[in-house]
Amino acid sequence: MKNRRNSLHAAWLIHFRYKRKEVSEMRISVLGTGRMGQGLIKVMSPHVKGISWGSRSPEKAEELIKKSNSKEVFPVTYEKALQADIIFHSFWFRDLLPFVKENKEELAGKILVDIVNPFTEDFSDFTTEWGTSAAEELQRTLPDTRVVGAFKNTFFEVFNQPIHVGMKSDVYVTSDEEEARDTIVKLLEPLPFRILDGGLLKNNRTIERMTLFERELAIRYGHYPYVSFRLFGAEIGDKTREGL
């Protein structure tokens, strides 16, 4: 009975925190100042105002903000960044799980956007088993957090030029929570990418593994790390998701 009460309380907490605000009212943060974190700030800051950029060294984040001339981005500690409603992390998978376990309570009721692929250090394979993905493992670790996958197929150089020969790079947004997925789709739509509803988290099993394959191809043909996905066919913006 106690466990059931705890589960009901957690479900209520998620519902309350999530439903009380419109997307435009939600506080947004990015964790990490590496190449992917910098890329997220570069493409998001012109369209998403008031981003908190979390770092172990806020001074480093402040220096990067000045260097990039990013507007309305504020350097903060990780602790402060975790107070946001929607949190984008840019950690390596090996560092991610210990971090979220330590901050499980702070992440409850939030949307956590997962951009990581569980590559080995030499990029030769995966640290996860077949039949799962980094996004699914993250959701299992954080049952009271809404995990959303995005930008997993996007290598860091693409943030500098997301439009190639007139075509926008695709971003596949996945989540087991439809409302959370829709929220991130809506948040990202102004960005210079083509934002697609990628369905459930289990689809990251394919997205993550295809991303390692696209890296191999890009190296072979001499354009790594400028590589991403583009789905050909229907004009996505002119069709309903159900009709694709």
Protein backbone atom coordinates (compact mmCIF):
# COMPACT_ATOMS: atom_id res chain seq x y z
CA MET A 1 0.00 0.00 0.00
CA LYS A 2 2.84 2.39 0.83
CA ASN A 3 4.52 1.76 -2.55
CA ARG A 4 1.22 2.36 -4.33
CA ARG A 5 0.75 5.66 -2.48
CA ASN A 6 4.28 6.69 -3.43
CA SER A 7 3.63 5.84 -7.08
CA LEU A 8 0.39 7.79 -7.09
CA HIS A 9 2.12 10.75 -5.49
CA ALA A 10 4.89 10.65 -8.10
CA ALA A 11 2.35 10.46 -10.93
CA TRP A 12 0.45 13.43 -9.48
CA LEU A 13 3.71 15.39 -9.11
CA ILE A 14 4.62 14.82 -12.75
CA HIS A 15 1.12 15.77 -13.90
CA PHE A 16 1.04 18.93 -11.79
CA ARG A 17 4.46 20.21 -12.73
CA TYR A 18 3.93 19.48 -16.39
CA LYS A 19 0.37 20.73 -16.87
CA ARG A 20 0.57 23.98 -14.99
CA LYS A 21 2.65 25.80 -17.66
CA GLU A 22 2.52 26.43 -21.39
CA VAL A 23 5.69 25.69 -23.36
CA SER A 24 6.45 29.41 -23.62
CA GLU A 25 6.34 29.71 -19.83
CA MET A 26 8.64 26.78 -19.08
CA ARG A 27 12.15 27.32 -17.83
CA ILE A 28 14.79 25.73 -20.09
CA SER A 29 18.32 24.66 -19.24
CA VAL A 30 21.25 22.95 -20.94
CA LEU A 31 23.74 20.86 -18.97
CA GLY A 32 27.33 20.68 -20.17
CA THR A 33 29.70 22.99 -22.06
CA GLY A 34 31.31 20.50 -24.46
CA ARG A 35 30.82 20.56 -28.22
CA MET A 36 27.24 19.25 -28.09
CA GLY A 37 26.27 21.63 -25.28
CA GLN A 38 27.74 24.53 -27.23
CA GLY A 39 25.86 23.37 -30.32
CA LEU A 40 22.54 23.28 -28.47
CA ILE A 41 23.07 26.81 -27.18
CA LYS A 42 24.03 28.03 -30.66
CA VAL A 43 20.82 26.82 -32.33
CA MET A 44 18.41 27.30 -29.43
CA SER A 45 19.36 30.68 -28.00
CA PRO A 46 18.06 32.76 -30.96
CA HIS A 47 14.63 31.17 -30.53
CA VAL A 48 14.39 30.17 -26.85
CA LYS A 49 14.88 33.04 -24.43
CA GLY A 50 16.31 32.83 -20.94
CA ILE A 51 18.21 29.54 -21.20
CA SER A 52 20.20 28.56 -18.10
CA TRP A 53 23.51 26.99 -19.13
CA GLY A 54 24.65 24.62 -16.41
CA SER A 55 28.32 23.80 -15.88
CA ARG A 56 30.68 22.57 -13.20
CA SER A 57 32.38 25.89 -13.95
CA PRO A 58 29.84 28.65 -14.59
CA GLU A 59 32.83 30.87 -15.40
CA LYS A 60 33.56 28.69 -18.42
CA ALA A 61 29.94 28.93 -19.55
CA GLU A 62 30.07 32.71 -19.14
CA GLU A 63 33.23 32.87 -21.26
CA LEU A 64 31.59 30.79 -24.00
CA ILE A 65 28.48 32.97 -23.92
CA LYS A 66 30.60 36.09 -24.45
CA LYS A 67 32.64 34.42 -27.18
CA SER A 68 29.55 33.32 -29.10
CA ASN A 69 27.63 36.53 -28.37
CA SER A 70 24.63 34.44 -27.30
CA LYS A 71 21.71 36.51 -26.08
CA GLU A 72 19.64 35.80 -22.96
CA VAL A 73 21.72 32.79 -21.92
CA PHE A 74 22.73 32.69 -18.28
CA PRO A 75 25.66 30.73 -16.79
CA VAL A 76 24.66 28.70 -13.73
CA THR A 77 25.74 25.73 -11.66
CA TYR A 78 24.33 22.27 -12.34
CA GLU A 79 22.25 22.60 -9.19
CA LYS A 80 20.61 25.76 -10.48
CA ALA A 81 20.10 24.31 -13.97
CA LEU A 82 18.22 21.34 -12.48
CA GLN A 83 15.50 23.74 -11.31
CA ALA A 84 14.32 24.19 -14.92
CA ASP A 85 11.15 22.55 -16.24
CA ILE A 86 12.86 21.20 -19.38
CA ILE A 87 16.48 20.08 -19.14
CA PHE A 88 18.71 19.19 -22.09
CA HIS A 89 21.80 17.23 -21.08
CA SER A 90 24.93 16.82 -23.21
CA PHE A 91 26.81 14.25 -21.12
CA TRP A 92 28.53 11.08 -22.26
CA PHE A 93 26.39 8.06 -21.41
CA ARG A 94 29.04 6.73 -19.02
CA ASP A 95 28.72 9.94 -16.99
CA LEU A 96 24.97 10.39 -17.40
CA LEU A 97 23.59 7.52 -15.33
CA PRO A 98 25.65 8.30 -12.18
CA PHE A 99 24.63 11.97 -12.49
CA VAL A 100 20.89 11.30 -12.78
CA LYS A 101 20.94 8.73 -9.98
CA GLU A 102 22.51 11.34 -7.73
CA ASN A 103 19.92 13.93 -8.78
CA LYS A 104 16.89 11.67 -9.10
CA GLU A 105 14.75 13.71 -6.72
CA GLU A 106 15.56 17.02 -8.45
CA LEU A 107 14.63 15.51 -11.83
CA ALA A 108 11.26 14.15 -10.71
CA GLY A 109 8.40 15.78 -12.57
CA LYS A 110 10.71 17.36 -15.15
CA ILE A 111 11.24 16.73 -18.86
CA LEU A 112 14.79 15.50 -19.49
CA VAL A 113 15.89 15.66 -23.13
CA ASP A 114 18.41 12.93 -23.92
CA ILE A 115 20.77 13.53 -26.86
CA VAL A 116 23.39 10.91 -26.06
CA ASN A 117 24.38 7.73 -27.89
CA PRO A 118 25.91 4.93 -25.80
CA PHE A 119 29.08 4.57 -27.87
CA THR A 120 32.23 2.94 -26.56
CA GLU A 121 35.18 5.28 -26.09
CA ASP A 122 36.71 4.24 -29.43
CA PHE A 123 33.34 4.51 -31.25
CA SER A 124 33.57 0.88 -32.35
CA ASP A 125 30.43 -0.41 -30.61
CA PHE A 126 27.80 0.25 -27.94
CA THR A 127 27.88 -0.04 -24.17
CA THR A 128 24.21 -1.10 -24.12
CA GLU A 129 22.85 -4.51 -25.04
CA TRP A 130 20.71 -5.29 -28.06
CA GLY A 131 17.05 -4.76 -27.30
CA THR A 132 17.48 -1.48 -25.43
CA SER A 133 18.78 2.05 -25.91
CA ALA A 134 20.34 4.83 -23.88
CA ALA A 135 17.00 6.64 -23.77
CA GLU A 136 15.17 3.57 -22.47
CA GLU A 137 17.82 2.91 -19.83
CA LEU A 138 17.55 6.53 -18.74
CA GLN A 139 13.75 6.27 -18.45
CA ARG A 140 14.09 3.06 -16.40
CA THR A 141 16.48 4.85 -14.07
CA LEU A 142 14.14 7.85 -13.76
CA PRO A 143 10.57 6.54 -13.62
CA ASP A 144 9.28 9.88 -12.26
CA THR A 145 10.90 11.93 -15.05
CA ARG A 146 9.61 12.34 -18.61
CA VAL A 147 12.53 11.33 -20.84
CA VAL A 148 12.52 12.63 -24.40
CA GLY A 149 15.08 11.67 -27.03
CA ALA A 150 16.26 14.26 -29.58
CA PHE A 151 19.35 15.25 -31.62
CA LYS A 152 20.77 11.73 -31.31
CA ASN A 153 21.49 11.58 -35.04
CA THR A 154 23.06 15.07 -35.07
CA PHE A 155 26.86 15.32 -34.93
CA PHE A 156 28.30 18.49 -33.42
CA GLU A 157 29.41 20.11 -36.68
CA VAL A 158 25.83 20.07 -37.99
CA PHE A 159 24.84 22.69 -35.40
CA ASN A 160 27.01 25.16 -37.31
CA GLN A 161 25.21 24.45 -40.59
CA PRO A 162 21.98 22.43 -40.15
CA ILE A 163 20.84 23.20 -43.72
CA HIS A 164 22.75 21.32 -46.43
CA VAL A 165 22.11 22.00 -50.15
CA GLY A 166 18.81 23.58 -49.20
CA MET A 167 17.63 20.71 -46.97
CA LYS A 168 17.23 20.88 -43.20
CA SER A 169 18.72 18.14 -41.05
CA ASP A 170 16.11 15.94 -39.39
CA VAL A 171 15.69 15.71 -35.62
CA TYR A 172 13.67 12.73 -34.35
CA VAL A 173 11.85 13.44 -31.09
CA THR A 174 10.90 10.33 -29.12
CA SER A 175 9.17 9.67 -25.81
CA ASP A 176 6.79 7.22 -24.20
CA GLU A 177 4.82 10.27 -23.00
CA GLU A 178 2.98 11.81 -25.95
CA GLU A 179 2.45 15.16 -24.20
CA ALA A 180 6.15 15.46 -23.39
CA ARG A 181 7.04 14.54 -26.98
CA ASP A 182 4.63 17.15 -28.34
CA THR A 183 6.04 19.76 -25.97
CA ILE A 184 9.60 19.27 -27.22
CA VAL A 185 8.45 19.20 -30.85
CA LYS A 186 6.73 22.54 -30.29
CA LEU A 187 9.74 23.98 -28.46
CA LEU A 188 12.16 22.98 -31.24
CA GLU A 189 10.03 23.85 -34.27
CA PRO A 190 11.48 27.39 -34.67
CA LEU A 191 15.01 25.97 -34.96
CA PRO A 192 16.68 25.55 -38.39
CA PHE A 193 16.04 21.78 -38.34
CA ARG A 194 13.14 19.64 -39.52
CA ILE A 195 11.58 18.38 -36.30
CA LEU A 196 9.79 15.02 -36.59
CA ASP A 197 7.70 13.03 -34.13
CA GLY A 198 9.84 9.91 -33.76
CA GLY A 199 7.37 7.91 -31.68
CA LEU A 200 8.27 5.84 -28.64
CA LEU A 201 11.59 5.62 -26.84
CA LYS A 202 12.18 2.10 -28.19
CA ASN A 203 12.79 3.65 -31.62
CA ASN A 204 16.10 4.91 -30.25
CA ARG A 205 17.36 1.35 -30.60
CA THR A 206 17.38 2.06 -34.34
CA ILE A 207 18.29 5.77 -34.21
CA GLU A 208 21.31 5.25 -31.95
CA ARG A 209 22.71 2.37 -34.00
CA MET A 210 22.11 4.13 -37.31
CA THR A 211 24.01 7.10 -35.92
CA LEU A 212 27.13 5.00 -35.43
CA PHE A 213 26.68 3.65 -38.97
CA GLU A 214 26.36 7.17 -40.43
CA ARG A 215 29.60 8.08 -38.64
CA GLU A 216 31.39 5.18 -40.30
CA LEU A 217 30.08 6.22 -43.71
CA ALA A 218 31.00 9.87 -43.18
CA ILE A 219 34.57 8.93 -42.27
CA ARG A 220 34.81 6.65 -45.32
CA TYR A 221 33.61 9.39 -47.66
CA GLY A 222 35.52 12.23 -46.03
CA HIS A 223 32.92 14.51 -44.46
CA TYR A 224 32.91 13.52 -40.78
CA PRO A 225 31.83 15.14 -38.43
CA TYR A 226 29.41 16.97 -40.73
CA VAL A 227 26.80 14.24 -40.95
CA SER A 228 23.13 13.79 -40.05
CA PHE A 229 19.89 12.19 -41.31
CA ARG A 230 17.31 13.35 -43.84
CA LEU A 231 14.16 11.36 -44.57
CA PHE A 232 13.03 11.72 -48.20
CA GLY A 233 9.43 11.44 -49.34
CA ALA A 234 6.43 13.47 -48.25
CA GLU A 235 6.79 17.13 -47.42
CA ILE A 236 6.50 16.63 -43.67
CA GLY A 237 5.40 20.16 -42.91
CA ASP A 238 2.41 19.80 -45.24
CA LYS A 239 1.16 16.48 -43.90
CA THR A 240 -0.34 15.32 -40.64
CA ARG A 241 1.78 12.95 -38.61
CA GLU A 242 -0.88 10.26 -38.92
CA GLY A 243 -0.75 10.49 -42.70
CA LEU A 244 2.98 9.82 -43.03
